[in-house]
Amino acid sequence: MMPPDPDEHSDPAVTSVSLAAEAALLEARLRMLREELGHVDVRIKAISDTLRLLGGVAPASAETPDGEERCGSCGPSGRGNTD
């Protein structure tokens, strides 16, 4: 870790070791976060697949057959009011 006062000069070798240690910790944290993100992605896919099987639910970004974007909160057709 860096000294509390950035104006305080320290040995470049000590600074290098400190920065290398901090980089290693950050890389380990990044690996852990990527792994967790992979788990979340698998869970999202499993839930999406289950929802599709249960009710034919299309992804929120799906388009209607005529090419219009579907609105997830606009009623059963997903297209909003067409009055």
PDB file of N, CA and C in Angstrom:
ATOM      1  N   MET A   1       0.837  -1.174   0.000  1.00  0.00           N
ATOM      2  CA  MET A   1       0.000   0.000   0.000  1.00  0.00           C
ATOM      3  C   MET A   1       0.889   1.246   0.000  1.00  0.00           C
ATOM      4  N   MET A   2       0.355   2.308  -0.536  1.00  0.00           N
ATOM      5  CA  MET A   2       1.093   3.567  -0.619  1.00  0.00           C
ATOM      6  C   MET A   2       1.124   4.246   0.750  1.00  0.00           C
ATOM      7  N   PRO A   3       2.169   5.045   0.995  1.00  0.00           N
ATOM      8  CA  PRO A   3       2.208   5.788   2.254  1.00  0.00           C
ATOM      9  C   PRO A   3       1.027   6.758   2.322  1.00  0.00           C
ATOM     10  N   PRO A   4       0.580   7.098   3.548  1.00  0.00           N
ATOM     11  CA  PRO A   4      -0.574   7.981   3.690  1.00  0.00           C
ATOM     12  C   PRO A   4      -0.377   9.344   3.031  1.00  0.00           C
ATOM     13  N   ASP A   5       0.839   9.859   3.058  1.00  0.00           N
ATOM     14  CA  ASP A   5       1.120  11.166   2.467  1.00  0.00           C
ATOM     15  C   ASP A   5       1.836  10.953   1.132  1.00  0.00           C
ATOM     16  N   PRO A   6       1.180  11.265  -0.002  1.00  0.00           N
ATOM     17  CA  PRO A   6       1.814  11.022  -1.300  1.00  0.00           C
ATOM     18  C   PRO A   6       3.073  11.850  -1.522  1.00  0.00           C
ATOM     19  N   ASP A   7       3.230  12.955  -0.786  1.00  0.00           N
ATOM     20  CA  ASP A   7       4.440  13.765  -0.926  1.00  0.00           C
ATOM     21  C   ASP A   7       5.627  13.127  -0.216  1.00  0.00           C
ATOM     22  N   GLU A   8       5.348  12.179   0.641  1.00  0.00           N
ATOM     23  CA  GLU A   8       6.390  11.489   1.384  1.00  0.00           C
ATOM     24  C   GLU A   8       7.090  10.521   0.427  1.00  0.00           C
ATOM     25  N   HIS A   9       8.384  10.720   0.231  1.00  0.00           N
ATOM     26  CA  HIS A   9       9.133   9.881  -0.703  1.00  0.00           C
ATOM     27  C   HIS A   9       9.602   8.615   0.000  1.00  0.00           C
ATOM     28  N   SER A  10       9.464   7.510  -0.695  1.00  0.00           N
ATOM     29  CA  SER A  10       9.946   6.250  -0.137  1.00  0.00           C
ATOM     30  C   SER A  10      10.836   5.576  -1.171  1.00  0.00           C
ATOM     31  N   ASP A  11      11.416   4.524  -0.756  1.00  0.00           N
ATOM     32  CA  ASP A  11      12.311   3.754  -1.604  1.00  0.00           C
ATOM     33  C   ASP A  11      11.530   3.200  -2.803  1.00  0.00           C
ATOM     34  N   PRO A  12      12.019   3.404  -4.032  1.00  0.00           N
ATOM     35  CA  PRO A  12      11.314   2.887  -5.211  1.00  0.00           C
ATOM     36  C   PRO A  12      11.121   1.367  -5.179  1.00  0.00           C
ATOM     37  N   ALA A  13      12.057   0.657  -4.593  1.00  0.00           N
ATOM     38  CA  ALA A  13      11.923  -0.799  -4.502  1.00  0.00           C
ATOM     39  C   ALA A  13      10.750  -1.170  -3.599  1.00  0.00           C
ATOM     40  N   VAL A  14      10.606  -0.460  -2.483  1.00  0.00           N
ATOM     41  CA  VAL A  14       9.495  -0.715  -1.560  1.00  0.00           C
ATOM     42  C   VAL A  14       8.172  -0.386  -2.248  1.00  0.00           C
ATOM     43  N   THR A  15       8.161   0.731  -2.963  1.00  0.00           N
ATOM     44  CA  THR A  15       6.952   1.129  -3.687  1.00  0.00           C
ATOM     45  C   THR A  15       6.594   0.086  -4.740  1.00  0.00           C
ATOM     46  N   SER A  16       7.596  -0.418  -5.450  1.00  0.00           N
ATOM     47  CA  SER A  16       7.360  -1.437  -6.479  1.00  0.00           C
ATOM     48  C   SER A  16       6.776  -2.707  -5.881  1.00  0.00           C
ATOM     49  N   VAL A  17       7.331  -3.138  -4.770  1.00  0.00           N
ATOM     50  CA  VAL A  17       6.829  -4.345  -4.105  1.00  0.00           C
ATOM     51  C   VAL A  17       5.398  -4.121  -3.633  1.00  0.00           C
ATOM     52  N   SER A  18       5.148  -2.957  -3.069  1.00  0.00           N
ATOM     53  CA  SER A  18       3.811  -2.636  -2.585  1.00  0.00           C
ATOM     54  C   SER A  18       2.801  -2.628  -3.729  1.00  0.00           C
ATOM     55  N   LEU A  19       3.170  -1.998  -4.841  1.00  0.00           N
ATOM     56  CA  LEU A  19       2.272  -1.950  -5.994  1.00  0.00           C
ATOM     57  C   LEU A  19       2.057  -3.333  -6.595  1.00  0.00           C
ATOM     58  N   ALA A  20       3.096  -4.152  -6.623  1.00  0.00           N
ATOM     59  CA  ALA A  20       2.957  -5.513  -7.144  1.00  0.00           C
ATOM     60  C   ALA A  20       2.013  -6.328  -6.264  1.00  0.00           C
ATOM     61  N   ALA A  21       2.125  -6.156  -4.946  1.00  0.00           N
ATOM     62  CA  ALA A  21       1.232  -6.872  -4.030  1.00  0.00           C
ATOM     63  C   ALA A  21      -0.208  -6.409  -4.217  1.00  0.00           C
ATOM     64  N   GLU A  22      -0.395  -5.109  -4.362  1.00  0.00           N
ATOM     65  CA  GLU A  22      -1.746  -4.578  -4.572  1.00  0.00           C
ATOM     66  C   GLU A  22      -2.313  -5.074  -5.901  1.00  0.00           C
ATOM     67  N   ALA A  23      -1.481  -5.125  -6.937  1.00  0.00           N
ATOM     68  CA  ALA A  23      -1.924  -5.627  -8.240  1.00  0.00           C
ATOM     69  C   ALA A  23      -2.336  -7.094  -8.145  1.00  0.00           C
ATOM     70  N   ALA A  24      -1.576  -7.880  -7.393  1.00  0.00           N
ATOM     71  CA  ALA A  24      -1.918  -9.296  -7.219  1.00  0.00           C
ATOM     72  C   ALA A  24      -3.264  -9.444  -6.516  1.00  0.00           C
ATOM     73  N   LEU A  25      -3.503  -8.620  -5.492  1.00  0.00           N
ATOM     74  CA  LEU A  25      -4.795  -8.664  -4.797  1.00  0.00           C
ATOM     75  C   LEU A  25      -5.936  -8.274  -5.731  1.00  0.00           C
ATOM     76  N   LEU A  26      -5.717  -7.245  -6.529  1.00  0.00           N
ATOM     77  CA  LEU A  26      -6.753  -6.809  -7.468  1.00  0.00           C
ATOM     78  C   LEU A  26      -7.026  -7.872  -8.532  1.00  0.00           C
ATOM     79  N   GLU A  27      -5.980  -8.532  -9.011  1.00  0.00           N
ATOM     80  CA  GLU A  27      -6.166  -9.601  -9.997  1.00  0.00           C
ATOM     81  C   GLU A  27      -6.938 -10.769  -9.395  1.00  0.00           C
ATOM     82  N   ALA A  28      -6.643 -11.107  -8.150  1.00  0.00           N
ATOM     83  CA  ALA A  28      -7.379 -12.187  -7.479  1.00  0.00           C
ATOM     84  C   ALA A  28      -8.844 -11.807  -7.311  1.00  0.00           C
ATOM     85  N   ARG A  29      -9.099 -10.570  -6.936  1.00  0.00           N
ATOM     86  CA  ARG A  29     -10.482 -10.096  -6.778  1.00  0.00           C
ATOM     87  C   ARG A  29     -11.209 -10.116  -8.123  1.00  0.00           C
ATOM     88  N   LEU A  30     -10.520  -9.725  -9.185  1.00  0.00           N
ATOM     89  CA  LEU A  30     -11.106  -9.743 -10.520  1.00  0.00           C
ATOM     90  C   LEU A  30     -11.471 -11.167 -10.936  1.00  0.00           C
ATOM     91  N   ARG A  31     -10.582 -12.123 -10.673  1.00  0.00           N
ATOM     92  CA  ARG A  31     -10.887 -13.531 -10.983  1.00  0.00           C
ATOM     93  C   ARG A  31     -12.111 -13.997 -10.215  1.00  0.00           C
ATOM     94  N   MET A  32     -12.186 -13.631  -8.932  1.00  0.00           N
ATOM     95  CA  MET A  32     -13.317 -14.035  -8.103  1.00  0.00           C
ATOM     96  C   MET A  32     -14.615 -13.420  -8.632  1.00  0.00           C
ATOM     97  N   LEU A  33     -14.585 -12.144  -8.998  1.00  0.00           N
ATOM     98  CA  LEU A  33     -15.781 -11.485  -9.522  1.00  0.00           C
ATOM     99  C   LEU A  33     -16.210 -12.086 -10.855  1.00  0.00           C
ATOM    100  N   ARG A  34     -15.248 -12.421 -11.710  1.00  0.00           N
ATOM    101  CA  ARG A  34     -15.592 -13.061 -12.991  1.00  0.00           C
ATOM    102  C   ARG A  34     -16.236 -14.425 -12.761  1.00  0.00           C
ATOM    103  N   GLU A  35     -15.711 -15.166 -11.795  1.00  0.00           N
ATOM    104  CA  GLU A  35     -16.287 -16.473 -11.471  1.00  0.00           C
ATOM    105  C   GLU A  35     -17.718 -16.315 -10.964  1.00  0.00           C
ATOM    106  N   GLU A  36     -17.925 -15.368 -10.070  1.00  0.00           N
ATOM    107  CA  GLU A  36     -19.275 -15.117  -9.550  1.00  0.00           C
ATOM    108  C   GLU A  36     -20.215 -14.671 -10.664  1.00  0.00           C
ATOM    109  N   LEU A  37     -19.721 -13.844 -11.569  1.00  0.00           N
ATOM    110  CA  LEU A  37     -20.528 -13.402 -12.699  1.00  0.00           C
ATOM    111  C   LEU A  37     -20.925 -14.597 -13.569  1.00  0.00           C
ATOM    112  N   GLY A  38     -20.024 -15.535 -13.727  1.00  0.00           N
ATOM    113  CA  GLY A  38     -20.342 -16.760 -14.466  1.00  0.00           C
ATOM    114  C   GLY A  38     -21.449 -17.542 -13.785  1.00  0.00           C
ATOM    115  N   HIS A  39     -21.408 -17.625 -12.445  1.00  0.00           N
ATOM    116  CA  HIS A  39     -22.465 -18.321 -11.702  1.00  0.00           C
ATOM    117  C   HIS A  39     -23.809 -17.612 -11.878  1.00  0.00           C
ATOM    118  N   VAL A  40     -23.785 -16.292 -11.810  1.00  0.00           N
ATOM    119  CA  VAL A  40     -25.020 -15.520 -11.986  1.00  0.00           C
ATOM    120  C   VAL A  40     -25.568 -15.741 -13.394  1.00  0.00           C
ATOM    121  N   ASP A  41     -24.693 -15.757 -14.382  1.00  0.00           N
ATOM    122  CA  ASP A  41     -25.113 -15.976 -15.766  1.00  0.00           C
ATOM    123  C   ASP A  41     -25.791 -17.335 -15.921  1.00  0.00           C
ATOM    124  N   VAL A  42     -25.222 -18.363 -15.299  1.00  0.00           N
ATOM    125  CA  VAL A  42     -25.812 -19.705 -15.357  1.00  0.00           C
ATOM    126  C   VAL A  42     -27.182 -19.706 -14.690  1.00  0.00           C
ATOM    127  N   ARG A  43     -27.303 -19.031 -13.544  1.00  0.00           N
ATOM    128  CA  ARG A  43     -28.601 -18.966 -12.845  1.00  0.00           C
ATOM    129  C   ARG A  43     -29.640 -18.223 -13.673  1.00  0.00           C
ATOM    130  N   ILE A  44     -29.237 -17.120 -14.296  1.00  0.00           N
ATOM    131  CA  ILE A  44     -30.168 -16.362 -15.138  1.00  0.00           C
ATOM    132  C   ILE A  44     -30.649 -17.231 -16.291  1.00  0.00           C
ATOM    133  N   LYS A  45     -29.737 -17.953 -16.926  1.00  0.00           N
ATOM    134  CA  LYS A  45     -30.120 -18.818 -18.045  1.00  0.00           C
ATOM    135  C   LYS A  45     -31.072 -19.907 -17.580  1.00  0.00           C
ATOM    136  N   ALA A  46     -30.790 -20.519 -16.434  1.00  0.00           N
ATOM    137  CA  ALA A  46     -31.661 -21.578 -15.921  1.00  0.00           C
ATOM    138  C   ALA A  46     -33.056 -21.038 -15.617  1.00  0.00           C
ATOM    139  N   ILE A  47     -33.122 -19.871 -15.000  1.00  0.00           N
ATOM    140  CA  ILE A  47     -34.425 -19.279 -14.683  1.00  0.00           C
ATOM    141  C   ILE A  47     -35.156 -18.898 -15.963  1.00  0.00           C
ATOM    142  N   SER A  48     -34.454 -18.334 -16.928  1.00  0.00           N
ATOM    143  CA  SER A  48     -35.077 -17.975 -18.204  1.00  0.00           C
ATOM    144  C   SER A  48     -35.621 -19.208 -18.908  1.00  0.00           C
ATOM    145  N   ASP A  49     -34.835 -20.288 -18.909  1.00  0.00           N
ATOM    146  CA  ASP A  49     -35.293 -21.532 -19.532  1.00  0.00           C
ATOM    147  C   ASP A  49     -36.533 -22.068 -18.836  1.00  0.00           C
ATOM    148  N   THR A  50     -36.536 -22.023 -17.504  1.00  0.00           N
ATOM    149  CA  THR A  50     -37.696 -22.498 -16.738  1.00  0.00           C
ATOM    150  C   THR A  50     -38.923 -21.657 -17.046  1.00  0.00           C
ATOM    151  N   LEU A  51     -38.767 -20.345 -17.071  1.00  0.00           N
ATOM    152  CA  LEU A  51     -39.896 -19.465 -17.390  1.00  0.00           C
ATOM    153  C   LEU A  51     -40.423 -19.736 -18.793  1.00  0.00           C
ATOM    154  N   ARG A  52     -39.526 -19.958 -19.742  1.00  0.00           N
ATOM    155  CA  ARG A  52     -39.950 -20.261 -21.104  1.00  0.00           C
ATOM    156  C   ARG A  52     -40.754 -21.553 -21.141  1.00  0.00           C
ATOM    157  N   LEU A  53     -40.309 -22.551 -20.393  1.00  0.00           N
ATOM    158  CA  LEU A  53     -41.025 -23.832 -20.353  1.00  0.00           C
ATOM    159  C   LEU A  53     -42.381 -23.699 -19.677  1.00  0.00           C
ATOM    160  N   LEU A  54     -42.454 -22.896 -18.626  1.00  0.00           N
ATOM    161  CA  LEU A  54     -43.698 -22.757 -17.871  1.00  0.00           C
ATOM    162  C   LEU A  54     -44.754 -21.943 -18.596  1.00  0.00           C
ATOM    163  N   GLY A  55     -44.338 -20.913 -19.295  1.00  0.00           N
ATOM    164  CA  GLY A  55     -45.365 -20.060 -19.867  1.00  0.00           C
ATOM    165  C   GLY A  55     -45.046 -19.482 -21.219  1.00  0.00           C
ATOM    166  N   GLY A  56     -44.061 -19.983 -21.868  1.00  0.00           N
ATOM    167  CA  GLY A  56     -43.727 -19.434 -23.167  1.00  0.00           C
ATOM    168  C   GLY A  56     -43.300 -17.984 -23.096  1.00  0.00           C
ATOM    169  N   VAL A  57     -42.648 -17.608 -22.012  1.00  0.00           N
ATOM    170  CA  VAL A  57     -42.222 -16.223 -21.824  1.00  0.00           C
ATOM    171  C   VAL A  57     -41.042 -15.939 -22.741  1.00  0.00           C
ATOM    172  N   ALA A  58     -41.159 -14.863 -23.508  1.00  0.00           N
ATOM    173  CA  ALA A  58     -40.070 -14.454 -24.390  1.00  0.00           C
ATOM    174  C   ALA A  58     -39.152 -13.507 -23.633  1.00  0.00           C
ATOM    175  N   PRO A  59     -37.891 -13.431 -24.023  1.00  0.00           N
ATOM    176  CA  PRO A  59     -36.992 -12.473 -23.391  1.00  0.00           C
ATOM    177  C   PRO A  59     -37.528 -11.056 -23.546  1.00  0.00           C
ATOM    178  N   ALA A  60     -37.216 -10.186 -22.617  1.00  0.00           N
ATOM    179  CA  ALA A  60     -37.729  -8.811 -22.614  1.00  0.00           C
ATOM    180  C   ALA A  60     -37.332  -8.052 -23.866  1.00  0.00           C
ATOM    181  N   SER A  61     -36.227  -8.421 -24.477  1.00  0.00           N
ATOM    182  CA  SER A  61     -35.768  -7.690 -25.652  1.00  0.00           C
ATOM    183  C   SER A  61     -36.283  -8.295 -26.951  1.00  0.00           C
ATOM    184  N   ALA A  62     -37.189  -9.266 -26.853  1.00  0.00           N
ATOM    185  CA  ALA A  62     -37.693  -9.925 -28.055  1.00  0.00           C
ATOM    186  C   ALA A  62     -38.551  -8.972 -28.876  1.00  0.00           C
ATOM    187  N   GLU A  63     -38.583  -9.238 -30.163  1.00  0.00           N
ATOM    188  CA  GLU A  63     -39.439  -8.460 -31.046  1.00  0.00           C
ATOM    189  C   GLU A  63     -40.671  -9.278 -31.390  1.00  0.00           C
ATOM    190  N   THR A  64     -41.749  -8.593 -31.736  1.00  0.00           N
ATOM    191  CA  THR A  64     -42.964  -9.267 -32.167  1.00  0.00           C
ATOM    192  C   THR A  64     -42.748  -9.754 -33.595  1.00  0.00           C
ATOM    193  N   PRO A  65     -43.580 -10.681 -34.066  1.00  0.00           N
ATOM    194  CA  PRO A  65     -43.393 -11.203 -35.423  1.00  0.00           C
ATOM    195  C   PRO A  65     -43.397 -10.119 -36.503  1.00  0.00           C
ATOM    196  N   ASP A  66     -44.113  -9.009 -36.292  1.00  0.00           N
ATOM    197  CA  ASP A  66     -44.153  -7.960 -37.308  1.00  0.00           C
ATOM    198  C   ASP A  66     -42.993  -6.972 -37.172  1.00  0.00           C
ATOM    199  N   GLY A  67     -42.035  -7.262 -36.280  1.00  0.00           N
ATOM    200  CA  GLY A  67     -40.834  -6.448 -36.161  1.00  0.00           C
ATOM    201  C   GLY A  67     -40.909  -5.339 -35.140  1.00  0.00           C
ATOM    202  N   GLU A  68     -42.079  -5.122 -34.521  1.00  0.00           N
ATOM    203  CA  GLU A  68     -42.191  -4.090 -33.498  1.00  0.00           C
ATOM    204  C   GLU A  68     -41.587  -4.605 -32.207  1.00  0.00           C
ATOM    205  N   GLU A  69     -41.023  -3.678 -31.420  1.00  0.00           N
ATOM    206  CA  GLU A  69     -40.487  -4.098 -30.130  1.00  0.00           C
ATOM    207  C   GLU A  69     -41.614  -4.408 -29.177  1.00  0.00           C
ATOM    208  N   ARG A  70     -41.414  -5.443 -28.367  1.00  0.00           N
ATOM    209  CA  ARG A  70     -42.407  -5.859 -27.389  1.00  0.00           C
ATOM    210  C   ARG A  70     -42.229  -5.027 -26.126  1.00  0.00           C
ATOM    211  N   CYS A  71     -43.330  -4.637 -25.515  1.00  0.00           N
ATOM    212  CA  CYS A  71     -43.321  -3.887 -24.260  1.00  0.00           C
ATOM    213  C   CYS A  71     -43.752  -4.842 -23.162  1.00  0.00           C
ATOM    214  N   GLY A  72     -42.853  -5.160 -22.230  1.00  0.00           N
ATOM    215  CA  GLY A  72     -43.147  -6.137 -21.190  1.00  0.00           C
ATOM    216  C   GLY A  72     -44.237  -5.723 -20.227  1.00  0.00           C
ATOM    217  N   SER A  73     -44.533  -4.435 -20.097  1.00  0.00           N
ATOM    218  CA  SER A  73     -45.531  -3.999 -19.123  1.00  0.00           C
ATOM    219  C   SER A  73     -46.741  -3.357 -19.796  1.00  0.00           C
ATOM    220  N   CYS A  74     -46.989  -3.689 -21.043  1.00  0.00           N
ATOM    221  CA  CYS A  74     -48.057  -3.028 -21.794  1.00  0.00           C
ATOM    222  C   CYS A  74     -49.247  -3.938 -22.047  1.00  0.00           C
ATOM    223  N   GLY A  75     -49.463  -4.925 -21.236  1.00  0.00           N
ATOM    224  CA  GLY A  75     -50.623  -5.791 -21.432  1.00  0.00           C
ATOM    225  C   GLY A  75     -50.246  -7.096 -22.095  1.00  0.00           C
ATOM    226  N   PRO A  76     -51.247  -7.954 -22.339  1.00  0.00           N
ATOM    227  CA  PRO A  76     -50.983  -9.305 -22.838  1.00  0.00           C
ATOM    228  C   PRO A  76     -50.292  -9.337 -24.195  1.00  0.00           C
ATOM    229  N   SER A  77     -50.594  -8.390 -25.065  1.00  0.00           N
ATOM    230  CA  SER A  77     -49.982  -8.423 -26.392  1.00  0.00           C
ATOM    231  C   SER A  77     -48.552  -7.911 -26.368  1.00  0.00           C
ATOM    232  N   GLY A  78     -48.218  -7.132 -25.314  1.00  0.00           N
ATOM    233  CA  GLY A  78     -46.880  -6.566 -25.239  1.00  0.00           C
ATOM    234  C   GLY A  78     -46.692  -5.370 -26.139  1.00  0.00           C
ATOM    235  N   ARG A  79     -47.768  -4.863 -26.723  1.00  0.00           N
ATOM    236  CA  ARG A  79     -47.651  -3.758 -27.669  1.00  0.00           C
ATOM    237  C   ARG A  79     -48.262  -2.465 -27.163  1.00  0.00           C
ATOM    238  N   GLY A  80     -48.861  -2.462 -25.991  1.00  0.00           N
ATOM    239  CA  GLY A  80     -49.476  -1.251 -25.469  1.00  0.00           C
ATOM    240  C   GLY A  80     -50.859  -1.049 -26.050  1.00  0.00           C
ATOM    241  N   ASN A  81     -51.424   0.111 -25.810  1.00  0.00           N
ATOM    242  CA  ASN A  81     -52.752   0.415 -26.339  1.00  0.00           C
ATOM    243  C   ASN A  81     -52.680   0.655 -27.834  1.00  0.00           C
ATOM    244  N   THR A  82     -53.603   0.057 -28.566  1.00  0.00           N
ATOM    245  CA  THR A  82     -53.651   0.250 -30.016  1.00  0.00           C
ATOM    246  C   THR A  82     -54.970   0.876 -30.414  1.00  0.00           C
ATOM    247  N   ASP A  83     -55.547   1.698 -29.491  1.00  0.00           N
ATOM    248  CA  ASP A  83     -56.843   2.335 -29.760  1.00  0.00           C
ATOM    249  C   ASP A  83     -56.780   3.249 -30.951  1.00  0.00           C
TER     250      ASP A  83
END
